N, C-alpha and C. Protein backbone atom coordinates (compact mmCIF):
# COMPACT_ATOMS: atom_id res chain seq x y z
N MET A 1 16.65 -5.27 -17.77
CA MET A 1 15.46 -4.73 -17.32
C MET A 1 14.39 -5.76 -16.99
N GLU A 2 13.72 -5.71 -15.94
CA GLU A 2 12.72 -6.73 -15.54
C GLU A 2 11.51 -6.03 -15.08
N GLU A 3 10.38 -6.49 -15.62
CA GLU A 3 9.12 -5.83 -15.29
C GLU A 3 8.02 -6.91 -14.84
N PHE A 4 7.43 -6.78 -13.68
CA PHE A 4 6.41 -7.69 -13.27
C PHE A 4 5.17 -7.69 -14.24
N VAL A 5 4.72 -8.83 -14.59
CA VAL A 5 3.62 -8.97 -15.55
C VAL A 5 2.29 -9.47 -14.71
N GLY A 6 2.51 -10.48 -13.94
CA GLY A 6 1.31 -11.07 -13.27
C GLY A 6 1.73 -12.34 -12.62
N TYR A 7 0.77 -13.06 -12.12
CA TYR A 7 0.95 -14.39 -11.48
C TYR A 7 0.51 -15.50 -12.27
N CYS A 8 1.24 -16.67 -12.19
CA CYS A 8 0.89 -17.89 -12.85
C CYS A 8 -0.57 -18.35 -12.43
N ALA A 9 -1.40 -18.59 -13.36
CA ALA A 9 -2.81 -19.05 -13.10
C ALA A 9 -2.75 -20.41 -12.45
N SER A 10 -1.73 -21.20 -12.47
CA SER A 10 -1.73 -22.48 -11.91
C SER A 10 -1.04 -22.51 -10.49
N CYS A 11 0.18 -22.08 -10.37
CA CYS A 11 0.96 -22.22 -9.09
C CYS A 11 1.11 -20.91 -8.38
N GLY A 12 0.79 -19.81 -9.07
CA GLY A 12 0.89 -18.46 -8.38
C GLY A 12 2.19 -17.81 -8.30
N LYS A 13 3.12 -18.33 -9.04
CA LYS A 13 4.52 -17.84 -9.15
C LYS A 13 4.39 -16.47 -9.90
N GLU A 14 5.31 -15.56 -9.46
CA GLU A 14 5.35 -14.30 -10.14
C GLU A 14 5.99 -14.47 -11.55
N VAL A 15 5.40 -13.90 -12.60
CA VAL A 15 5.83 -13.92 -13.95
C VAL A 15 6.32 -12.56 -14.37
N TYR A 16 7.56 -12.36 -14.96
CA TYR A 16 8.17 -11.18 -15.37
C TYR A 16 8.32 -11.11 -16.85
N CYS A 17 8.52 -9.96 -17.35
CA CYS A 17 8.99 -9.71 -18.73
C CYS A 17 10.50 -9.20 -18.46
N LYS A 18 11.39 -10.00 -19.07
CA LYS A 18 12.81 -9.79 -18.91
C LYS A 18 13.45 -9.37 -20.25
N ASP A 19 13.94 -8.06 -20.33
CA ASP A 19 14.60 -7.63 -21.57
C ASP A 19 13.70 -7.73 -22.75
N GLY A 20 12.44 -7.48 -22.58
CA GLY A 20 11.50 -7.48 -23.70
C GLY A 20 10.95 -8.85 -24.08
N PHE A 21 11.23 -9.91 -23.23
CA PHE A 21 10.81 -11.28 -23.50
C PHE A 21 9.94 -11.78 -22.29
N LEU A 22 8.74 -12.24 -22.57
CA LEU A 22 8.01 -12.71 -21.48
C LEU A 22 8.54 -14.08 -20.94
N ASP A 23 8.63 -14.09 -19.63
CA ASP A 23 9.23 -15.25 -18.97
C ASP A 23 8.11 -16.26 -18.54
N GLY A 24 7.27 -16.66 -19.51
CA GLY A 24 6.15 -17.55 -19.31
C GLY A 24 5.34 -17.55 -20.68
N ILE A 25 4.10 -18.05 -20.53
CA ILE A 25 3.25 -18.12 -21.76
C ILE A 25 1.89 -17.56 -21.47
N VAL A 26 1.24 -17.12 -22.50
CA VAL A 26 -0.19 -16.70 -22.44
C VAL A 26 -0.96 -17.62 -23.30
N THR A 27 -1.98 -18.28 -22.82
CA THR A 27 -2.78 -19.19 -23.62
C THR A 27 -3.82 -18.39 -24.50
N GLU A 28 -4.49 -19.18 -25.36
CA GLU A 28 -5.52 -18.49 -26.24
C GLU A 28 -6.56 -17.84 -25.41
N ASP A 29 -6.92 -18.46 -24.16
CA ASP A 29 -7.99 -17.76 -23.36
C ASP A 29 -7.40 -16.76 -22.45
N LYS A 30 -6.26 -16.23 -22.75
CA LYS A 30 -5.53 -15.15 -22.10
C LYS A 30 -5.16 -15.54 -20.59
N GLN A 31 -4.86 -16.68 -20.31
CA GLN A 31 -4.32 -17.07 -19.06
C GLN A 31 -2.80 -16.99 -19.05
N LEU A 32 -2.25 -16.54 -17.96
CA LEU A 32 -0.84 -16.39 -17.88
C LEU A 32 -0.22 -17.52 -17.04
N TYR A 33 0.79 -18.25 -17.59
CA TYR A 33 1.40 -19.32 -16.88
C TYR A 33 2.86 -19.21 -16.86
N CYS A 34 3.59 -19.69 -15.82
CA CYS A 34 5.08 -19.78 -15.85
C CYS A 34 5.44 -20.82 -16.77
N PHE A 35 6.73 -20.86 -17.25
CA PHE A 35 7.16 -21.88 -18.18
C PHE A 35 6.91 -23.37 -17.63
N THR A 36 7.18 -23.55 -16.34
CA THR A 36 7.03 -24.92 -15.75
C THR A 36 5.57 -25.37 -15.87
N CYS A 37 4.63 -24.50 -15.56
CA CYS A 37 3.15 -24.97 -15.59
C CYS A 37 2.65 -24.89 -17.04
N GLY A 38 3.31 -23.98 -17.87
CA GLY A 38 2.77 -23.81 -19.23
C GLY A 38 3.20 -24.96 -20.13
N GLU A 39 4.19 -25.79 -19.71
CA GLU A 39 4.55 -26.93 -20.60
C GLU A 39 3.35 -27.89 -20.87
N ASP A 40 2.42 -27.91 -19.99
CA ASP A 40 1.19 -28.94 -20.13
C ASP A 40 0.14 -28.19 -20.87
N LYS A 41 0.16 -26.93 -21.23
CA LYS A 41 -0.87 -26.29 -21.79
C LYS A 41 -0.80 -26.29 -23.36
């Protein structure tokens, strides 16, 4: 199962929740990032 969550705050890539796991990260200030952009956060 795949559900759209939002867009990466840095590059604009679509971020999904796949089988109950977020395919990205959310920072303390509630910004959503894909894994690629989130590595620097």
